[in-house]
Amino acid sequence: MAEQTKREHGIFAKPLPIILDEIEEAAADARKAADQARTAGELAAEQVMRRLRKLFLKMAKDIQEELEK
C-alpha cells in the first residue's frame, strides 16, 4: 500500500525541506512577477495621464481661442 502511494504521489518521494525550498522559490517568483506587474501598471498609468494632460491642454487652448473670437 505504501509503495502504491509513493508511485501515485511523487511528492512523497521528496524530503520536506526540499519541498519547502521549492515553495519558497515559487513564492519569490510570484512576488517578483507581482512587482513587475505593478511597475508596468504604474508606467501605463503615467502614459495615460500624460496623454490626458495633453488633450485637456489642447481643449483649453481651443476653447480660449473660440472665446477670443
N, C-alpha and C. Protein backbone atom coordinates (compact mmCIF):
# COMPACT_ATOMS: atom_id res chain seq x y z
N MET A 1 0.82 -1.19 0.00
CA MET A 1 0.00 0.00 0.00
C MET A 1 0.87 1.26 0.00
N ALA A 2 1.92 1.27 0.82
CA ALA A 2 2.79 2.44 0.89
C ALA A 2 3.50 2.67 -0.42
N GLU A 3 3.93 1.58 -1.08
CA GLU A 3 4.59 1.72 -2.38
C GLU A 3 3.65 2.27 -3.42
N GLN A 4 2.41 1.86 -3.36
CA GLN A 4 1.42 2.35 -4.32
C GLN A 4 1.20 3.85 -4.10
N THR A 5 1.17 4.29 -2.87
CA THR A 5 1.02 5.71 -2.58
C THR A 5 2.20 6.50 -3.11
N LYS A 6 3.42 5.98 -2.96
CA LYS A 6 4.61 6.66 -3.45
C LYS A 6 4.55 6.82 -4.97
N ARG A 7 4.08 5.81 -5.65
CA ARG A 7 4.01 5.88 -7.10
C ARG A 7 2.94 6.86 -7.55
N GLU A 8 1.83 6.90 -6.86
CA GLU A 8 0.74 7.78 -7.25
C GLU A 8 1.04 9.24 -6.92
N HIS A 9 1.72 9.47 -5.83
CA HIS A 9 2.01 10.83 -5.38
C HIS A 9 3.52 11.00 -5.25
N GLY A 10 4.13 11.52 -6.30
CA GLY A 10 5.57 11.69 -6.32
C GLY A 10 6.07 12.66 -5.26
N ILE A 11 5.20 13.51 -4.75
CA ILE A 11 5.61 14.48 -3.75
C ILE A 11 6.11 13.79 -2.48
N PHE A 12 5.60 12.60 -2.21
CA PHE A 12 6.03 11.87 -1.02
C PHE A 12 7.48 11.38 -1.15
N ALA A 13 8.02 11.40 -2.35
CA ALA A 13 9.38 10.93 -2.57
C ALA A 13 10.40 12.00 -2.18
N LYS A 14 9.96 13.26 -2.03
CA LYS A 14 10.87 14.35 -1.70
C LYS A 14 10.85 14.61 -0.20
N PRO A 15 11.99 14.95 0.36
CA PRO A 15 12.02 15.33 1.78
C PRO A 15 11.34 16.69 1.98
N LEU A 16 10.80 16.89 3.14
CA LEU A 16 10.08 18.12 3.44
C LEU A 16 10.92 19.39 3.24
N PRO A 17 12.17 19.42 3.66
CA PRO A 17 12.97 20.65 3.44
C PRO A 17 13.08 21.03 1.96
N ILE A 18 13.18 20.04 1.10
CA ILE A 18 13.26 20.33 -0.34
C ILE A 18 11.93 20.89 -0.83
N ILE A 19 10.84 20.32 -0.37
CA ILE A 19 9.52 20.83 -0.75
C ILE A 19 9.35 22.27 -0.28
N LEU A 20 9.76 22.56 0.95
CA LEU A 20 9.66 23.91 1.48
C LEU A 20 10.53 24.89 0.70
N ASP A 21 11.72 24.46 0.29
CA ASP A 21 12.59 25.31 -0.53
C ASP A 21 11.92 25.63 -1.87
N GLU A 22 11.30 24.63 -2.47
CA GLU A 22 10.61 24.85 -3.74
C GLU A 22 9.44 25.82 -3.58
N ILE A 23 8.73 25.70 -2.46
CA ILE A 23 7.63 26.62 -2.19
C ILE A 23 8.16 28.04 -2.00
N GLU A 24 9.28 28.17 -1.29
CA GLU A 24 9.90 29.49 -1.10
C GLU A 24 10.30 30.10 -2.43
N GLU A 25 10.91 29.29 -3.30
CA GLU A 25 11.32 29.78 -4.61
C GLU A 25 10.11 30.22 -5.43
N ALA A 26 9.04 29.43 -5.38
CA ALA A 26 7.83 29.78 -6.12
C ALA A 26 7.22 31.07 -5.57
N ALA A 27 7.24 31.23 -4.27
CA ALA A 27 6.71 32.46 -3.66
C ALA A 27 7.56 33.66 -4.06
N ALA A 28 8.86 33.49 -4.10
CA ALA A 28 9.75 34.58 -4.52
C ALA A 28 9.49 34.96 -5.98
N ASP A 29 9.29 33.96 -6.82
CA ASP A 29 8.96 34.22 -8.23
C ASP A 29 7.63 34.96 -8.34
N ALA A 30 6.66 34.56 -7.54
CA ALA A 30 5.35 35.21 -7.57
C ALA A 30 5.46 36.66 -7.11
N ARG A 31 6.26 36.91 -6.07
CA ARG A 31 6.45 38.30 -5.60
C ARG A 31 7.13 39.14 -6.68
N LYS A 32 8.11 38.55 -7.35
CA LYS A 32 8.83 39.27 -8.41
C LYS A 32 7.87 39.60 -9.56
N ALA A 33 7.05 38.63 -9.95
CA ALA A 33 6.09 38.86 -11.02
C ALA A 33 5.07 39.93 -10.63
N ALA A 34 4.62 39.91 -9.38
CA ALA A 34 3.67 40.91 -8.92
C ALA A 34 4.30 42.30 -8.93
N ASP A 35 5.56 42.38 -8.55
CA ASP A 35 6.27 43.66 -8.56
C ASP A 35 6.42 44.18 -9.99
N GLN A 36 6.74 43.29 -10.91
CA GLN A 36 6.87 43.70 -12.31
C GLN A 36 5.53 44.15 -12.87
N ALA A 37 4.46 43.46 -12.51
CA ALA A 37 3.13 43.85 -12.97
C ALA A 37 2.74 45.21 -12.41
N ARG A 38 3.06 45.45 -11.13
CA ARG A 38 2.75 46.74 -10.52
C ARG A 38 3.52 47.86 -11.22
N THR A 39 4.80 47.62 -11.50
CA THR A 39 5.62 48.62 -12.18
C THR A 39 5.07 48.90 -13.58
N ALA A 40 4.69 47.86 -14.29
CA ALA A 40 4.13 48.05 -15.63
C ALA A 40 2.82 48.83 -15.55
N GLY A 41 2.01 48.55 -14.56
CA GLY A 41 0.75 49.29 -14.39
C GLY A 41 0.99 50.75 -14.08
N GLU A 42 1.98 51.03 -13.25
CA GLU A 42 2.30 52.42 -12.92
C GLU A 42 2.80 53.16 -14.16
N LEU A 43 3.63 52.52 -14.97
CA LEU A 43 4.12 53.16 -16.20
C LEU A 43 2.97 53.43 -17.16
N ALA A 44 2.08 52.47 -17.30
CA ALA A 44 0.93 52.66 -18.18
C ALA A 44 0.05 53.81 -17.69
N ALA A 45 -0.15 53.90 -16.39
CA ALA A 45 -0.97 54.99 -15.83
C ALA A 45 -0.31 56.34 -16.09
N GLU A 46 1.02 56.41 -15.95
CA GLU A 46 1.73 57.66 -16.23
C GLU A 46 1.55 58.08 -17.69
N GLN A 47 1.63 57.12 -18.60
CA GLN A 47 1.47 57.44 -20.02
C GLN A 47 0.06 57.94 -20.31
N VAL A 48 -0.93 57.31 -19.71
CA VAL A 48 -2.31 57.73 -19.90
C VAL A 48 -2.50 59.15 -19.36
N MET A 49 -1.95 59.43 -18.19
CA MET A 49 -2.08 60.76 -17.60
C MET A 49 -1.41 61.83 -18.48
N ARG A 50 -0.26 61.50 -19.06
CA ARG A 50 0.40 62.45 -19.97
C ARG A 50 -0.48 62.74 -21.18
N ARG A 51 -1.07 61.70 -21.75
CA ARG A 51 -1.95 61.90 -22.91
C ARG A 51 -3.18 62.71 -22.54
N LEU A 52 -3.77 62.43 -21.38
CA LEU A 52 -4.93 63.19 -20.95
C LEU A 52 -4.58 64.65 -20.69
N ARG A 53 -3.42 64.88 -20.06
CA ARG A 53 -2.98 66.24 -19.80
C ARG A 53 -2.82 67.00 -21.11
N LYS A 54 -2.20 66.35 -22.09
CA LYS A 54 -2.02 66.97 -23.40
C LYS A 54 -3.37 67.30 -24.05
N LEU A 55 -4.29 66.35 -23.97
CA LEU A 55 -5.62 66.53 -24.54
C LEU A 55 -6.35 67.69 -23.87
N PHE A 56 -6.32 67.75 -22.54
CA PHE A 56 -7.01 68.82 -21.83
C PHE A 56 -6.39 70.18 -22.13
N LEU A 57 -5.06 70.23 -22.23
CA LEU A 57 -4.41 71.49 -22.57
C LEU A 57 -4.81 71.95 -23.97
N LYS A 58 -4.90 71.02 -24.90
CA LYS A 58 -5.33 71.37 -26.26
C LYS A 58 -6.78 71.83 -26.25
N MET A 59 -7.62 71.15 -25.50
CA MET A 59 -9.02 71.55 -25.41
C MET A 59 -9.14 72.95 -24.81
N ALA A 60 -8.38 73.21 -23.75
CA ALA A 60 -8.43 74.52 -23.11
C ALA A 60 -7.97 75.61 -24.08
N LYS A 61 -6.93 75.32 -24.84
CA LYS A 61 -6.42 76.27 -25.83
C LYS A 61 -7.47 76.53 -26.90
N ASP A 62 -8.10 75.46 -27.40
CA ASP A 62 -9.14 75.61 -28.42
C ASP A 62 -10.32 76.43 -27.90
N ILE A 63 -10.74 76.16 -26.67
CA ILE A 63 -11.87 76.89 -26.07
C ILE A 63 -11.50 78.36 -25.91
N GLN A 64 -10.27 78.63 -25.45
CA GLN A 64 -9.83 80.01 -25.27
C GLN A 64 -9.81 80.75 -26.60
N GLU A 65 -9.32 80.10 -27.66
CA GLU A 65 -9.30 80.71 -28.98
C GLU A 65 -10.71 81.02 -29.47
N GLU A 66 -11.64 80.09 -29.22
CA GLU A 66 -13.03 80.31 -29.63
C GLU A 66 -13.65 81.47 -28.87
N LEU A 67 -13.35 81.58 -27.59
CA LEU A 67 -13.92 82.65 -26.78
C LEU A 67 -13.36 84.01 -27.16
N GLU A 68 -12.12 84.03 -27.66
CA GLU A 68 -11.49 85.30 -28.05
C GLU A 68 -12.06 85.82 -29.37
N LYS A 69 -12.72 84.98 -30.14
CA LYS A 69 -13.27 85.40 -31.44
C LYS A 69 -14.46 86.30 -31.27
